[in-house]
N, C-alpha and C. Protein backbone atom coordinates (compact mmCIF):
# COMPACT_ATOMS: atom_id res chain seq x y z
N ALA A 1 100.66 126.65 102.63
CA ALA A 1 98.79 126.97 101.21
C ALA A 1 99.11 126.08 100.62
N ILE A 2 97.78 125.93 99.86
CA ILE A 2 97.87 124.17 98.72
C ILE A 2 97.24 124.49 97.57
N PRO A 3 98.01 125.12 96.94
CA PRO A 3 98.24 126.40 95.55
C PRO A 3 96.57 125.47 95.02
N LEU A 4 95.75 126.41 94.45
CA LEU A 4 95.02 126.45 93.41
C LEU A 4 94.89 125.64 92.22
N GLY A 5 94.62 125.08 91.73
CA GLY A 5 95.01 124.18 90.12
C GLY A 5 93.80 124.79 89.09
N ASN A 6 93.23 123.71 88.23
CA ASN A 6 92.14 124.96 87.31
C ASN A 6 90.85 123.51 86.96
N THR A 7 90.00 123.80 87.71
CA THR A 7 88.52 123.10 87.47
C THR A 7 88.13 123.06 86.37
N ALA A 8 87.37 122.77 85.51
CA ALA A 8 85.98 123.03 85.25
C ALA A 8 84.75 122.42 85.25
N GLY A 9 83.05 123.41 85.37
CA GLY A 9 82.05 122.57 85.71
C GLY A 9 81.93 122.41 87.23
N ILE A 10 83.59 123.16 88.21
CA ILE A 10 82.71 122.90 89.77
C ILE A 10 81.76 123.63 90.19
N LEU A 11 82.20 125.23 89.83
CA LEU A 11 81.42 126.06 90.25
C LEU A 11 80.50 125.99 90.37
N GLY A 12 79.87 125.84 88.56
CA GLY A 12 78.28 125.63 87.91
C GLY A 12 79.04 125.07 86.25
N PRO A 13 77.49 125.03 85.46
CA PRO A 13 78.14 125.26 84.47
C PRO A 13 78.19 126.05 83.62
N LEU A 14 79.58 125.90 82.60
CA LEU A 14 80.75 126.41 81.86
C LEU A 14 81.21 127.32 83.10
N ILE A 15 81.53 127.31 83.76
CA ILE A 15 81.59 128.17 84.64
C ILE A 15 83.87 127.34 85.12
N ASP A 16 84.45 127.82 84.33
CA ASP A 16 86.38 127.43 83.91
C ASP A 16 87.02 127.82 85.34
N THR A 17 87.63 127.71 85.96
CA THR A 17 88.73 128.57 86.59
C THR A 17 90.27 128.28 86.21
N ARG A 18 90.91 129.00 86.58
CA ARG A 18 92.07 128.55 86.12
C ARG A 18 93.78 129.14 87.86
N GLY A 19 94.26 128.29 87.53
CA GLY A 19 94.56 128.50 89.19
C GLY A 19 96.08 128.15 88.53
N ALA A 20 97.46 127.34 89.43
CA ALA A 20 98.56 127.21 89.27
C ALA A 20 98.18 126.01 87.86
N GLY A 21 99.46 127.09 86.53
CA GLY A 21 99.36 126.08 85.59
C GLY A 21 98.43 126.72 84.81
N GLY A 22 97.38 127.18 84.82
CA GLY A 22 96.61 128.13 84.21
C GLY A 22 96.85 129.06 82.92
N TYR A 23 95.70 129.21 82.64
CA TYR A 23 96.20 130.30 81.35
C TYR A 23 95.46 131.37 81.33
N VAL A 24 95.68 132.63 81.25
CA VAL A 24 93.42 133.02 80.96
C VAL A 24 94.42 133.76 79.73
N VAL A 25 93.17 134.27 78.57
CA VAL A 25 93.60 135.40 78.12
C VAL A 25 91.74 136.34 78.26
N ALA A 26 92.18 137.34 77.77
CA ALA A 26 90.55 138.07 78.55
C ALA A 26 91.02 139.37 78.12
N PRO A 27 90.16 140.02 77.52
CA PRO A 27 89.92 141.72 77.49
C PRO A 27 90.55 142.38 78.62
N PRO A 28 91.75 143.14 77.98
CA PRO A 28 92.02 143.75 77.46
C PRO A 28 93.17 143.02 76.43
N THR A 29 92.86 141.58 76.83
CA THR A 29 94.50 141.08 75.53
C THR A 29 94.34 141.22 74.29
N GLN A 30 95.01 141.32 73.74
CA GLN A 30 95.01 141.63 72.63
C GLN A 30 95.91 140.11 71.75
N LEU A 31 95.19 139.88 70.24
CA LEU A 31 96.73 139.13 70.05
C LEU A 31 97.06 139.35 68.46
N THR A 32 98.13 139.48 68.21
CA THR A 32 98.94 140.10 66.77
C THR A 32 99.14 139.30 65.45
N PRO A 33 98.40 140.01 64.50
CA PRO A 33 98.41 139.57 62.84
C PRO A 33 99.46 138.44 62.75
N ALA A 34 99.06 137.01 62.84
CA ALA A 34 100.21 136.15 62.02
C ALA A 34 101.39 136.41 61.51
N ALA A 35 101.64 137.80 60.29
CA ALA A 35 102.06 138.30 60.20
C ALA A 35 103.31 139.35 60.64
N ALA A 36 103.21 139.63 62.06
CA ALA A 36 104.42 140.13 62.77
C ALA A 36 105.15 138.79 63.36
N ILE A 37 104.72 137.57 63.27
CA ILE A 37 105.06 136.83 64.16
C ILE A 37 105.98 136.27 63.30
N ALA A 38 107.79 136.24 63.69
CA ALA A 38 108.53 135.70 62.57
C ALA A 38 108.46 134.04 62.46
N GLY A 39 108.18 134.24 60.86
CA GLY A 39 107.63 132.12 60.59
C GLY A 39 106.39 131.73 60.54
N GLY A 40 105.66 133.41 60.72
CA GLY A 40 104.39 132.89 60.91
C GLY A 40 103.62 132.88 59.43
N ALA A 41 102.01 131.71 59.82
CA ALA A 41 101.59 131.64 57.69
C ALA A 41 101.08 133.65 58.11
N GLN A 42 101.30 134.06 56.91
CA GLN A 42 101.51 134.71 56.46
C GLN A 42 99.55 134.79 56.07
N GLY A 43 98.62 136.62 57.11
CA GLY A 43 97.05 136.65 56.67
C GLY A 43 96.79 135.59 57.57
N ASP A 44 97.40 135.31 58.42
CA ASP A 44 95.91 133.63 59.60
C ASP A 44 95.56 134.26 60.57
N GLU A 45 94.90 134.25 60.70
CA GLU A 45 94.58 135.67 61.98
C GLU A 45 93.88 134.08 63.27
N ARG A 46 94.45 132.89 62.82
CA ARG A 46 93.98 131.65 63.85
C ARG A 46 95.35 132.30 64.87
N CYS A 47 96.89 132.57 64.11
CA CYS A 47 97.56 132.05 65.07
C CYS A 47 97.81 133.51 65.94
N GLY A 48 98.72 133.85 66.54
CA GLY A 48 99.03 134.85 67.01
C GLY A 48 99.87 135.48 68.21
N ALA A 49 100.31 135.54 68.83
CA ALA A 49 101.34 136.22 69.85
C ALA A 49 100.19 137.11 70.67
N VAL A 50 100.35 136.38 72.40
CA VAL A 50 99.30 137.50 73.34
C VAL A 50 99.92 138.79 73.77
N VAL A 51 100.17 139.51 73.94
CA VAL A 51 100.71 141.14 74.06
C VAL A 51 99.42 140.71 75.46
N GLU A 52 99.86 141.00 76.47
CA GLU A 52 99.19 141.33 77.85
C GLU A 52 98.90 142.13 78.29
N ASP A 53 98.37 142.82 78.97
CA ASP A 53 97.82 143.72 79.54
C ASP A 53 98.63 144.44 81.50
N GLN A 54 100.09 144.93 81.37
CA GLN A 54 100.10 144.42 82.66
C GLN A 54 99.79 145.63 83.35
N ALA A 55 99.26 146.80 82.85
CA ALA A 55 97.93 147.82 83.68
C ALA A 55 96.59 147.15 84.75
N ALA A 56 96.35 145.57 84.37
CA ALA A 56 95.00 144.71 84.19
C ALA A 56 95.72 144.03 85.85
N LEU A 57 94.72 144.62 86.87
CA LEU A 57 94.60 144.24 88.30
C LEU A 57 93.79 143.21 88.90
N VAL A 58 94.31 142.27 89.47
CA VAL A 58 93.79 141.09 89.08
C VAL A 58 93.28 140.72 90.69
N LEU A 59 91.84 141.23 91.29
CA LEU A 59 91.26 141.16 92.94
C LEU A 59 91.99 140.12 93.45
N PRO A 60 92.05 140.23 94.59
CA PRO A 60 91.81 138.33 95.81
C PRO A 60 90.57 138.02 95.50
N LEU A 61 90.99 136.77 96.40
CA LEU A 61 90.26 136.24 95.60
C LEU A 61 88.95 135.26 97.43
N PRO A 62 87.72 135.79 96.94
CA PRO A 62 86.92 135.63 97.93
C PRO A 62 87.25 134.56 99.18
N GLY A 63 87.25 134.12 100.20
CA GLY A 63 87.67 133.09 101.52
C GLY A 63 86.89 131.88 100.71
N TRP A 64 85.63 132.80 100.35
CA TRP A 64 84.89 131.30 100.36
C TRP A 64 84.48 131.19 99.09
N LEU A 65 85.68 131.21 98.38
CA LEU A 65 85.21 130.42 96.79
C LEU A 65 86.54 130.30 96.74
N VAL A 66 87.99 130.05 98.09
CA VAL A 66 88.76 129.37 98.66
C VAL A 66 88.34 128.29 98.02
N GLU A 67 87.43 128.15 99.84
CA GLU A 67 86.92 127.24 100.00
C GLU A 67 86.25 126.36 99.30
N ARG A 68 85.58 126.97 98.89
CA ARG A 68 84.80 125.85 97.42
C ARG A 68 86.00 125.94 96.34
N LEU A 69 87.16 126.23 95.67
CA LEU A 69 88.11 125.38 94.63
C LEU A 69 89.15 124.50 95.82
N ARG A 70 89.00 124.82 96.78
CA ARG A 70 90.57 123.46 98.09
C ARG A 70 90.11 122.15 96.74
N PRO A 71 91.31 121.51 96.70
CA PRO A 71 91.33 119.93 96.07
C PRO A 71 91.25 119.02 97.76
N ASP A 72 90.57 118.22 97.53
CA ASP A 72 89.43 117.22 98.36
C ASP A 72 90.65 116.66 98.80
N PRO A 73 91.12 116.67 100.48
CA PRO A 73 92.38 116.23 100.68
C PRO A 73 92.96 114.79 100.59
N LEU A 74 94.13 114.51 99.80
CA LEU A 74 94.32 112.97 99.40
C LEU A 74 94.48 111.97 100.13
N PRO A 75 93.84 110.14 100.35
CA PRO A 75 93.81 110.26 101.23
C PRO A 75 94.68 109.21 101.47
N ALA A 76 94.62 108.61 102.50
CA ALA A 76 96.43 108.10 103.23
C ALA A 76 96.52 107.12 102.54
N ALA A 77 97.92 106.77 102.03
CA ALA A 77 98.62 106.24 100.98
C ALA A 77 99.30 105.06 101.85
N THR A 78 98.26 104.16 100.90
CA THR A 78 99.18 102.63 101.43
C THR A 78 99.70 102.27 100.46
N PRO A 79 100.87 100.92 101.66
CA PRO A 79 102.43 101.11 101.13
C PRO A 79 101.48 99.50 100.25
N ALA A 80 102.80 99.92 98.52
CA ALA A 80 102.14 98.81 97.28
C ALA A 80 103.16 97.83 97.88
N VAL A 81 102.43 96.69 97.13
CA VAL A 81 103.68 95.08 97.63
C VAL A 81 103.47 95.02 96.58
N VAL A 82 104.52 94.50 95.89
CA VAL A 82 104.93 94.75 94.57
C VAL A 82 106.38 92.68 94.26
N ARG A 83 105.47 91.80 93.68
CA ARG A 83 106.32 91.06 94.01
C ARG A 83 107.76 90.54 93.16
N LEU A 84 108.86 90.19 93.65
CA LEU A 84 109.90 90.60 92.50
C LEU A 84 108.93 88.49 91.33
N ALA A 85 109.62 88.93 90.65
CA ALA A 85 110.11 87.70 89.53
C ALA A 85 109.84 86.61 90.68
N ALA A 86 109.55 85.17 89.73
CA ALA A 86 109.20 84.13 90.62
C ALA A 86 110.83 83.64 90.24
N GLY A 87 111.55 83.07 90.84
CA GLY A 87 112.20 82.24 90.92
C GLY A 87 113.78 82.19 90.31
N ALA A 88 113.80 84.21 90.36
CA ALA A 88 114.93 85.05 90.18
C ALA A 88 115.40 85.12 91.31
N GLY A 89 114.70 85.35 92.36
CA GLY A 89 115.63 85.63 93.63
C GLY A 89 116.98 84.75 94.28
N ARG A 90 116.22 83.12 93.89
CA ARG A 90 117.64 82.16 94.63
C ARG A 90 118.95 82.63 92.79
N ALA A 91 118.87 83.16 91.56
CA ALA A 91 120.14 82.51 91.27
C ALA A 91 120.59 84.41 91.55
N ARG A 92 119.65 85.36 91.57
CA ARG A 92 120.02 87.02 91.57
C ARG A 92 120.45 87.45 93.47
N GLY A 93 119.73 86.14 94.32
CA GLY A 93 120.90 86.23 95.83
C GLY A 93 120.15 87.86 96.81
N ASP A 94 120.24 87.54 98.18
CA ASP A 94 119.84 88.19 98.58
C ASP A 94 120.29 90.13 98.28
N ARG A 95 121.84 90.79 98.47
CA ARG A 95 121.90 92.30 97.91
C ARG A 95 121.20 92.10 96.53
N ALA A 96 120.51 91.57 95.49
CA ALA A 96 120.32 91.86 94.33
C ALA A 96 119.00 91.94 94.90
N ASP A 97 118.67 91.42 95.19
CA ASP A 97 116.76 91.17 95.85
C ASP A 97 116.56 92.44 96.53
N ARG A 98 117.67 93.01 97.21
CA ARG A 98 117.28 94.60 98.45
C ARG A 98 117.54 95.57 96.66
N TYR A 99 118.56 95.84 95.88
CA TYR A 99 118.45 96.94 95.21
C TYR A 99 117.31 96.47 94.36
N LEU A 100 116.70 95.73 94.22
CA LEU A 100 115.79 95.97 93.46
C LEU A 100 115.07 96.71 94.47
N ARG A 101 114.17 96.81 95.44
CA ARG A 101 113.42 96.51 96.39
C ARG A 101 113.14 97.96 96.20
N ALA A 102 114.52 98.67 96.76
CA ALA A 102 114.79 99.65 96.63
C ALA A 102 115.10 100.52 95.71
N ALA A 103 115.49 100.15 94.54
CA ALA A 103 114.69 100.99 92.98
C ALA A 103 113.68 101.10 92.96
N LEU A 104 112.13 100.33 93.18
CA LEU A 104 111.00 99.50 93.15
C LEU A 104 110.49 100.75 94.07
N ASP A 105 110.75 100.63 95.75
CA ASP A 105 110.14 101.87 96.34
C ASP A 105 110.60 103.43 95.97
N ARG A 106 111.72 103.69 95.58
CA ARG A 106 112.33 105.66 95.19
C ARG A 106 111.11 105.62 94.27
N THR A 107 111.44 104.73 93.04
CA THR A 107 110.59 104.59 92.12
C THR A 107 109.02 104.91 92.31
N LEU A 108 108.37 104.35 92.78
CA LEU A 108 107.11 104.68 93.70
C LEU A 108 106.63 105.93 94.31
N ALA A 109 107.79 106.34 95.59
CA ALA A 109 108.05 107.32 95.89
C ALA A 109 108.06 108.59 94.78
N THR A 110 108.68 108.88 94.22
CA THR A 110 108.78 109.79 93.08
C THR A 110 107.55 110.48 92.26
N VAL A 111 106.15 109.04 92.07
CA VAL A 111 105.04 109.21 91.87
C VAL A 111 104.14 109.94 92.95
N LEU A 112 104.60 109.38 94.25
CA LEU A 112 103.31 109.84 95.61
C LEU A 112 103.88 111.21 95.99
N GLU A 113 105.12 112.39 95.80
CA GLU A 113 105.42 112.77 95.66
C GLU A 113 105.14 114.44 95.02
N ALA A 114 105.01 113.60 94.22
CA ALA A 114 104.91 114.82 92.17
C ALA A 114 104.39 115.83 92.79
N ALA A 115 104.65 117.44 92.71
CA ALA A 115 103.69 117.74 92.77
C ALA A 115 102.89 118.19 91.68
N PRO A 116 101.90 119.00 91.76
CA PRO A 116 100.63 119.22 90.79
C PRO A 116 100.68 120.15 89.42
N GLY A 117 101.45 118.91 88.52
CA GLY A 117 100.45 120.17 86.98
C GLY A 117 102.10 118.35 86.78
N THR A 118 103.42 118.02 87.23
CA THR A 118 104.09 116.81 86.51
C THR A 118 103.48 116.21 87.46
N ARG A 119 102.43 115.68 88.02
CA ARG A 119 101.84 114.39 88.27
C ARG A 119 101.95 113.13 86.69
N ASN A 120 101.49 113.45 85.84
CA ASN A 120 100.84 112.73 84.90
C ASN A 120 102.13 112.15 84.39
N ARG A 121 103.29 113.40 84.29
CA ARG A 121 104.58 113.25 83.25
C ARG A 121 104.71 112.19 84.29
N THR A 122 105.27 112.07 85.64
CA THR A 122 106.32 111.37 86.93
C THR A 122 105.38 109.58 86.32
N LEU A 123 104.30 110.32 86.77
CA LEU A 123 103.46 108.53 86.38
C LEU A 123 104.45 108.16 85.02
N PHE A 124 104.62 108.48 83.85
CA PHE A 124 104.80 108.73 82.64
C PHE A 124 106.38 107.03 82.85
N GLY A 125 107.08 108.66 83.18
CA GLY A 125 108.33 107.85 83.54
C GLY A 125 108.65 106.99 85.09
N ALA A 126 107.70 106.96 85.84
CA ALA A 126 108.36 106.16 86.44
C ALA A 126 107.75 105.01 86.27
N ALA A 127 106.91 105.01 85.28
CA ALA A 127 105.82 103.21 84.34
C ALA A 127 106.90 103.11 83.41
N VAL A 128 107.23 103.80 83.06
CA VAL A 128 108.93 103.11 81.84
C VAL A 128 110.49 103.15 82.40
N SER A 129 110.61 103.31 83.71
CA SER A 129 111.54 102.94 84.43
C SER A 129 111.65 101.61 85.12
N LEU A 130 109.77 101.15 85.25
CA LEU A 130 110.13 99.71 86.05
C LEU A 130 109.74 98.93 84.85
N GLY A 131 108.87 99.27 83.82
CA GLY A 131 108.80 98.56 82.57
C GLY A 131 109.90 97.94 81.72
N ARG A 132 110.82 98.56 82.16
CA ARG A 132 112.18 98.50 81.70
C ARG A 132 112.70 97.26 82.59
N LEU A 133 112.40 96.62 83.72
CA LEU A 133 112.76 96.13 84.76
C LEU A 133 111.56 94.76 84.57
N VAL A 134 110.34 94.72 84.10
CA VAL A 134 109.19 93.73 84.18
C VAL A 134 110.16 93.11 82.77
N ALA A 135 110.29 94.02 81.94
CA ALA A 135 110.94 93.89 80.22
C ALA A 135 112.10 92.38 80.86
N GLY A 136 113.04 93.11 81.68
CA GLY A 136 114.00 91.57 82.02
C GLY A 136 113.60 91.27 82.60
N GLY A 137 112.52 90.56 83.06
CA GLY A 137 112.06 89.46 84.00
C GLY A 137 112.57 90.08 86.02
N ALA A 138 112.59 90.95 86.01
CA ALA A 138 112.98 91.44 87.34
C ALA A 138 111.47 91.85 88.37
N LEU A 139 110.82 91.99 87.99
CA LEU A 139 109.77 92.38 88.72
C LEU A 139 108.48 91.54 88.32
N ASP A 140 106.70 91.39 88.93
CA ASP A 140 106.23 90.52 88.01
C ASP A 140 105.61 92.15 87.68
N ASP A 141 104.41 91.54 86.18
CA ASP A 141 104.40 92.74 85.22
C ASP A 141 102.63 93.50 86.40
N ALA A 142 102.27 92.33 86.30
CA ALA A 142 100.61 92.81 86.65
C ALA A 142 100.99 93.51 87.90
N GLU A 143 101.60 93.01 89.41
CA GLU A 143 101.70 93.73 90.28
C GLU A 143 102.64 95.76 90.11
N THR A 144 103.52 95.32 89.12
CA THR A 144 103.51 96.47 88.91
C THR A 144 103.28 97.18 88.62
N ARG A 145 102.53 97.20 87.39
CA ARG A 145 101.12 97.61 86.88
C ARG A 145 100.23 97.96 87.83
N ALA A 146 100.26 97.23 88.98
CA ALA A 146 98.98 97.92 89.96
C ALA A 146 99.62 99.08 90.97
N ALA A 147 100.78 98.54 91.55
CA ALA A 147 100.79 99.36 92.64
C ALA A 147 101.24 100.81 92.36
N LEU A 148 101.32 100.93 90.33
CA LEU A 148 101.72 102.05 89.89
C LEU A 148 100.29 102.89 90.29
N ILE A 149 99.17 102.48 89.21
CA ILE A 149 97.64 103.06 89.29
C ILE A 149 97.35 103.45 91.01
N THR A 150 97.96 102.39 92.09
CA THR A 150 97.47 102.47 93.04
C THR A 150 98.27 104.38 93.25
N ALA A 151 99.93 104.40 93.29
CA ALA A 151 100.22 105.41 93.81
C ALA A 151 99.70 107.09 93.03
N ALA A 152 99.46 106.50 91.33
CA ALA A 152 98.44 107.43 91.06
C ALA A 152 97.55 107.46 91.73
N THR A 153 96.35 107.04 91.61
CA THR A 153 94.46 107.26 92.11
C THR A 153 95.21 107.70 93.47
N VAL A 154 95.72 107.47 94.43
CA VAL A 154 96.27 108.44 95.52
C VAL A 154 96.57 109.66 95.94
N ILE A 155 97.55 109.93 94.79
CA ILE A 155 97.67 111.20 94.56
C ILE A 155 96.52 112.48 93.08
N GLY A 156 95.38 111.79 93.36
CA GLY A 156 93.88 111.97 92.57
C GLY A 156 94.09 111.99 91.22
N LEU A 157 94.52 111.09 90.85
CA LEU A 157 95.34 111.20 89.20
C LEU A 157 93.60 110.31 88.58
N ASP A 158 93.02 110.85 87.56
CA ASP A 158 91.66 110.21 87.58
C ASP A 158 92.62 108.36 86.28
N ASP A 159 91.55 107.70 87.93
CA ASP A 159 92.08 105.97 87.21
C ASP A 159 92.08 105.45 85.76
N ARG A 160 90.66 106.49 85.45
CA ARG A 160 91.45 106.29 83.39
C ARG A 160 92.53 106.45 82.71
N GLU A 161 92.62 107.10 83.70
CA GLU A 161 93.64 108.80 82.74
C GLU A 161 95.11 108.31 83.74
N ALA A 162 95.33 107.43 85.18
CA ALA A 162 95.99 106.99 85.09
C ALA A 162 96.57 105.74 84.65
N THR A 163 95.39 104.68 83.96
CA THR A 163 95.39 103.22 83.85
C THR A 163 96.58 103.74 82.03
N ALA A 164 95.83 104.19 81.42
CA ALA A 164 96.79 104.40 80.24
C ALA A 164 97.47 105.19 80.12
N THR A 165 98.31 106.02 81.46
CA THR A 165 99.34 106.54 81.55
C THR A 165 100.28 105.32 81.73
N VAL A 166 100.24 104.60 82.70
CA VAL A 166 100.71 103.25 82.83
C VAL A 166 100.52 101.99 81.95
N ARG A 167 100.12 101.88 81.23
CA ARG A 167 99.87 101.17 80.03
C ARG A 167 100.77 101.86 78.98
N SER A 168 101.03 102.69 78.79
CA SER A 168 101.75 103.07 78.37
C SER A 168 103.53 103.73 78.38
N GLY A 169 103.25 104.13 79.45
CA GLY A 169 104.40 103.91 79.81
C GLY A 169 105.51 102.51 80.45
N LEU A 170 104.82 101.50 80.65
CA LEU A 170 105.22 100.20 80.84
C LEU A 170 105.68 99.25 79.19
N LYS A 171 104.79 99.27 78.02
CA LYS A 171 105.17 99.18 76.82
C LYS A 171 105.99 100.31 76.05
N THR A 172 106.36 100.46 76.67
CA THR A 172 107.97 102.58 76.06
C THR A 172 109.45 101.06 76.29
N GLY A 173 108.82 101.26 78.08
CA GLY A 173 109.93 100.60 78.84
C GLY A 173 111.00 98.94 78.66
N ALA A 174 109.29 98.47 78.22
CA ALA A 174 109.67 97.31 77.28
C ALA A 174 110.58 96.67 76.59
N HIS A 175 110.98 98.21 75.62
CA HIS A 175 111.82 98.27 74.47
C HIS A 175 113.03 98.32 74.49
N HIS A 176 113.71 98.30 76.05
CA HIS A 176 114.60 98.59 76.19
C HIS A 176 115.03 97.69 77.70
N PRO A 177 114.70 96.00 77.52
CA PRO A 177 114.69 95.53 78.67
C PRO A 177 115.72 95.72 79.28
N ALA A 178 115.67 96.23 80.86
CA ALA A 178 116.55 96.96 82.20
C ALA A 178 117.73 95.08 82.66
N PRO A 179 118.31 94.57 82.90
CA PRO A 179 118.95 92.85 83.17
C PRO A 179 118.57 92.79 84.51
N SER A 180 118.18 92.19 84.75
CA SER A 180 119.23 91.81 86.50
C SER A 180 119.69 91.67 87.64
N PRO A 181 120.08 92.27 88.64
CA PRO A 181 121.72 93.14 89.23
C PRO A 181 122.20 91.76 88.52
N PRO A 182 123.42 91.24 88.14
CA PRO A 182 124.08 90.04 88.24
C PRO A 182 124.38 89.59 90.34
N PRO A 183 124.03 88.76 89.97
CA PRO A 183 124.79 88.13 91.52
C PRO A 183 125.73 88.35 92.04
N PRO A 184 125.90 88.57 92.62
CA PRO A 184 127.56 88.72 93.86
C PRO A 184 128.49 87.50 94.23
N ARG A 185 129.88 88.01 94.02
CA ARG A 185 130.48 87.28 93.45
C ARG A 185 130.71 87.18 94.55
N PRO A 186 130.65 85.87 94.97
CA PRO A 186 131.27 84.81 96.80
C PRO A 186 132.96 85.48 96.74
N ARG A 187 132.92 85.53 98.21
CA ARG A 187 134.00 85.87 98.85
C ARG A 187 135.22 84.95 98.85
N GLU A 188 135.59 85.05 98.88
CA GLU A 188 137.30 84.09 98.84
C GLU A 188 137.26 84.53 100.22
N PRO A 189 137.53 82.78 100.34
CA PRO A 189 138.22 82.92 101.81
C PRO A 189 139.27 83.60 102.44
N GLN A 190 139.87 84.48 103.67
CA GLN A 190 140.68 85.17 103.17
C GLN A 190 141.57 83.81 104.12
N ARG A 191 142.75 84.40 103.63
CA ARG A 191 143.77 82.63 103.88
C ARG A 191 145.33 83.58 104.54
N ASP A 192 145.33 83.45 105.34
CA ASP A 192 146.50 84.37 106.28
C ASP A 192 148.07 84.18 106.53
N PRO A 193 147.76 85.10 106.34
CA PRO A 193 149.56 85.83 105.52
C PRO A 193 150.76 84.43 106.30
N PRO A 194 151.41 84.42 104.50
CA PRO A 194 152.43 83.43 104.99
C PRO A 194 153.96 83.86 106.31
N PRO A 195 154.47 83.41 106.43
CA PRO A 195 155.27 83.52 107.73
C PRO A 195 156.53 84.16 107.50
N ARG A 196 156.81 85.84 108.55
CA ARG A 196 158.23 85.59 107.43
C ARG A 196 158.81 85.49 107.79
N PRO A 197 159.96 85.36 107.56
CA PRO A 197 161.09 84.77 107.43
C PRO A 197 162.61 85.18 108.33
N PRO A 198 162.52 84.47 109.33
CA PRO A 198 163.58 84.84 110.50
C PRO A 198 164.72 85.33 109.47
N PRO A 199 165.25 86.35 110.12
CA PRO A 199 166.03 87.38 109.95
C PRO A 199 167.42 86.85 109.66
N THR A 200 168.26 87.47 108.61
CA THR A 200 169.63 86.45 108.89
C THR A 200 170.15 86.63 109.30
N GLN A 201 170.99 86.01 109.93
CA GLN A 201 171.95 86.53 111.11
C GLN A 201 172.97 85.76 110.19
N ARG A 202 174.26 87.30 110.04
CA ARG A 202 175.48 87.49 109.39
C ARG A 202 176.59 87.36 111.36
N THR A 203 177.59 85.97 109.95
CA THR A 203 178.94 85.78 110.89
C THR A 203 180.05 86.04 110.21
N GLY A 204 180.86 86.64 111.19
CA GLY A 204 182.28 87.15 111.04
C GLY A 204 182.93 87.59 112.15
N ARG A 205 183.76 87.89 111.52
CA ARG A 205 185.37 88.85 112.49
C ARG A 205 184.76 90.44 112.96
N ALA A 206 184.57 90.95 114.05
CA ALA A 206 184.36 91.91 114.28
C ALA A 206 185.63 93.32 113.99
N ARG A 207 185.97 94.27 113.12
CA ARG A 207 186.99 94.71 112.67
C ARG A 207 186.82 95.58 113.71
């Protein structure tokens, strides 16, 4: 089953709905005065604790309404290609490049697999992580940025929101550059073990 999220104006003007991750305050819910809350401002009625009516019943959602609120299916994910920083591959070596490519793929996968309600936060964390590699000279900035935004829009995030989140995450990651993985050490040629000396022959009379 696909969880229904929150909507604003989809069913009609001034009609909002609350689903997974949403919160509703409605009669007969009461707001207690702030004076009754530890640390609250004395007499400030704008602050309060919610006391929910546990006896209130929630009616089943009609099927036609479920269909109206069901999110549109996500488009098929297209593979994102991010170029490693130019000129660094030869110094790093193929093994280090494979490590970077795997780290990039894992990070983009976390964005594509993020659950509703966590997607923007996951996108920011991914941008911070890759931003460190961009600042360290391991990844191309423009292509990393484009790949993150593409992954975000595939899972349903708004393009403007995704762009702002990626920009902020890359900027945050740039404050802590991650150096490229060091090139692997060249293997020392195997040497044949030295020949074992022949067993010492003992001479003498038998007793």
